[in-house]
Amino acid sequence: MSMTYQDALDECDRVGAKNASDAALMASFCRGSIQILVGAASPKLVWEGAMKQGLTSRELAQLANKDPNAVHELMW
């Protein structure tokens, strides 16, 4: 069974960002920062799209800084 967005958030909350998997770290980033960086976006849908695209948390953060519209496209 694959990890859900809520599972990823729970993991990050439980073990902390330093010890979390990349998927959990990305979920935490989406929950806390994605809307500040790219405007109106669903953290859950962005995370799900990034996971489907095989992005890492670092790649998503770089994308958010460089191309907010590309982050929005991840939701679809």
C-alpha atoms as a PDB file:
ATOM      1  CA  MET A   1       0.000   0.000   0.000  1.00  0.00           C
ATOM      2  CA  SER A   2       1.354   3.407  -0.906  1.00  0.00           C
ATOM      3  CA  MET A   3       1.670   6.280   1.530  1.00  0.00           C
ATOM      4  CA  THR A   4      -1.119   8.842   1.654  1.00  0.00           C
ATOM      5  CA  TYR A   5      -0.621  12.541   2.252  1.00  0.00           C
ATOM      6  CA  GLN A   6      -1.974  12.160   5.792  1.00  0.00           C
ATOM      7  CA  ASP A   7       0.318   9.183   6.445  1.00  0.00           C
ATOM      8  CA  ALA A   8       3.265  11.307   5.322  1.00  0.00           C
ATOM      9  CA  LEU A   9       2.263  14.201   7.577  1.00  0.00           C
ATOM     10  CA  ASP A  10       1.792  11.845  10.509  1.00  0.00           C
ATOM     11  CA  GLU A  11       5.239  10.347   9.946  1.00  0.00           C
ATOM     12  CA  CYS A  12       6.909  13.746   9.847  1.00  0.00           C
ATOM     13  CA  ASP A  13       5.083  14.833  12.986  1.00  0.00           C
ATOM     14  CA  ARG A  14       6.023  11.611  14.742  1.00  0.00           C
ATOM     15  CA  VAL A  15       9.735  11.370  13.870  1.00  0.00           C
ATOM     16  CA  GLY A  16      10.615  14.967  12.961  1.00  0.00           C
ATOM     17  CA  ALA A  17      11.844  16.358   9.655  1.00  0.00           C
ATOM     18  CA  LYS A  18      15.434  15.253  10.253  1.00  0.00           C
ATOM     19  CA  ASN A  19      14.419  11.584  10.491  1.00  0.00           C
ATOM     20  CA  ALA A  20      11.467  11.572   8.089  1.00  0.00           C
ATOM     21  CA  SER A  21      11.355   9.959   4.674  1.00  0.00           C
ATOM     22  CA  ASP A  22      11.546  12.290   1.699  1.00  0.00           C
ATOM     23  CA  ALA A  23       7.818  11.813   1.051  1.00  0.00           C
ATOM     24  CA  ALA A  24       7.040  12.880   4.618  1.00  0.00           C
ATOM     25  CA  LEU A  25       9.403  15.831   4.397  1.00  0.00           C
ATOM     26  CA  MET A  26       7.720  16.920   1.161  1.00  0.00           C
ATOM     27  CA  ALA A  27       4.269  16.660   2.765  1.00  0.00           C
ATOM     28  CA  SER A  28       5.424  18.855   5.628  1.00  0.00           C
ATOM     29  CA  PHE A  29       6.877  21.364   3.153  1.00  0.00           C
ATOM     30  CA  CYS A  30       3.599  21.417   1.245  1.00  0.00           C
ATOM     31  CA  ARG A  31       1.584  21.892   4.432  1.00  0.00           C
ATOM     32  CA  GLY A  32       3.766  24.694   5.754  1.00  0.00           C
ATOM     33  CA  SER A  33       5.264  26.577   2.834  1.00  0.00           C
ATOM     34  CA  ILE A  34       3.820  25.808  -0.570  1.00  0.00           C
ATOM     35  CA  GLN A  35       1.013  28.384  -0.439  1.00  0.00           C
ATOM     36  CA  ILE A  36       3.437  31.097   0.684  1.00  0.00           C
ATOM     37  CA  LEU A  37       5.696  30.348  -2.272  1.00  0.00           C
ATOM     38  CA  VAL A  38       3.193  29.764  -5.075  1.00  0.00           C
ATOM     39  CA  GLY A  39      -0.097  31.286  -3.938  1.00  0.00           C
ATOM     40  CA  ALA A  40      -3.408  29.461  -3.889  1.00  0.00           C
ATOM     41  CA  ALA A  41      -2.628  25.768  -4.141  1.00  0.00           C
ATOM     42  CA  SER A  42      -3.837  22.636  -2.419  1.00  0.00           C
ATOM     43  CA  PRO A  43      -0.949  21.201  -0.400  1.00  0.00           C
ATOM     44  CA  LYS A  44      -2.408  17.697  -0.708  1.00  0.00           C
ATOM     45  CA  LEU A  45      -2.889  17.884  -4.483  1.00  0.00           C
ATOM     46  CA  VAL A  46       0.578  19.372  -4.997  1.00  0.00           C
ATOM     47  CA  TRP A  47       2.106  16.563  -2.896  1.00  0.00           C
ATOM     48  CA  GLU A  48       0.164  13.900  -4.776  1.00  0.00           C
ATOM     49  CA  GLY A  49       1.182  15.361  -8.146  1.00  0.00           C
ATOM     50  CA  ALA A  50       4.823  15.662  -7.113  1.00  0.00           C
ATOM     51  CA  MET A  51       4.825  12.059  -5.929  1.00  0.00           C
ATOM     52  CA  LYS A  52       3.303  10.878  -9.230  1.00  0.00           C
ATOM     53  CA  GLN A  53       5.998  12.796 -11.117  1.00  0.00           C
ATOM     54  CA  GLY A  54       8.694  11.232  -8.968  1.00  0.00           C
ATOM     55  CA  LEU A  55       9.947  14.562  -7.610  1.00  0.00           C
ATOM     56  CA  THR A  56      12.021  14.792  -4.470  1.00  0.00           C
ATOM     57  CA  SER A  57      11.317  17.352  -1.780  1.00  0.00           C
ATOM     58  CA  ARG A  58      14.372  19.308  -2.927  1.00  0.00           C
ATOM     59  CA  GLU A  59      13.175  19.318  -6.537  1.00  0.00           C
ATOM     60  CA  LEU A  60       9.723  20.500  -5.483  1.00  0.00           C
ATOM     61  CA  ALA A  61      11.228  23.319  -3.400  1.00  0.00           C
ATOM     62  CA  GLN A  62      13.385  24.398  -6.337  1.00  0.00           C
ATOM     63  CA  LEU A  63      10.382  24.268  -8.661  1.00  0.00           C
ATOM     64  CA  ALA A  64       8.331  26.373  -6.245  1.00  0.00           C
ATOM     65  CA  ASN A  65      11.080  29.008  -6.187  1.00  0.00           C
ATOM     66  CA  LYS A  66      11.632  28.973  -9.943  1.00  0.00           C
ATOM     67  CA  ASP A  67       8.252  28.241 -11.549  1.00  0.00           C
ATOM     68  CA  PRO A  68       5.120  28.602  -9.397  1.00  0.00           C
ATOM     69  CA  ASN A  69       2.894  27.828 -12.387  1.00  0.00           C
ATOM     70  CA  ALA A  70       4.563  24.431 -12.785  1.00  0.00           C
ATOM     71  CA  VAL A  71       3.700  23.691  -9.146  1.00  0.00           C
ATOM     72  CA  HIS A  72       0.072  24.556  -9.883  1.00  0.00           C
ATOM     73  CA  GLU A  73       0.164  22.132 -12.834  1.00  0.00           C
ATOM     74  CA  LEU A  74       1.082  19.314 -10.445  1.00  0.00           C
ATOM     75  CA  MET A  75      -2.437  19.535  -9.013  1.00  0.00           C
ATOM     76  CA  TRP A  76      -3.927  18.390 -12.323  1.00  0.00           C
END
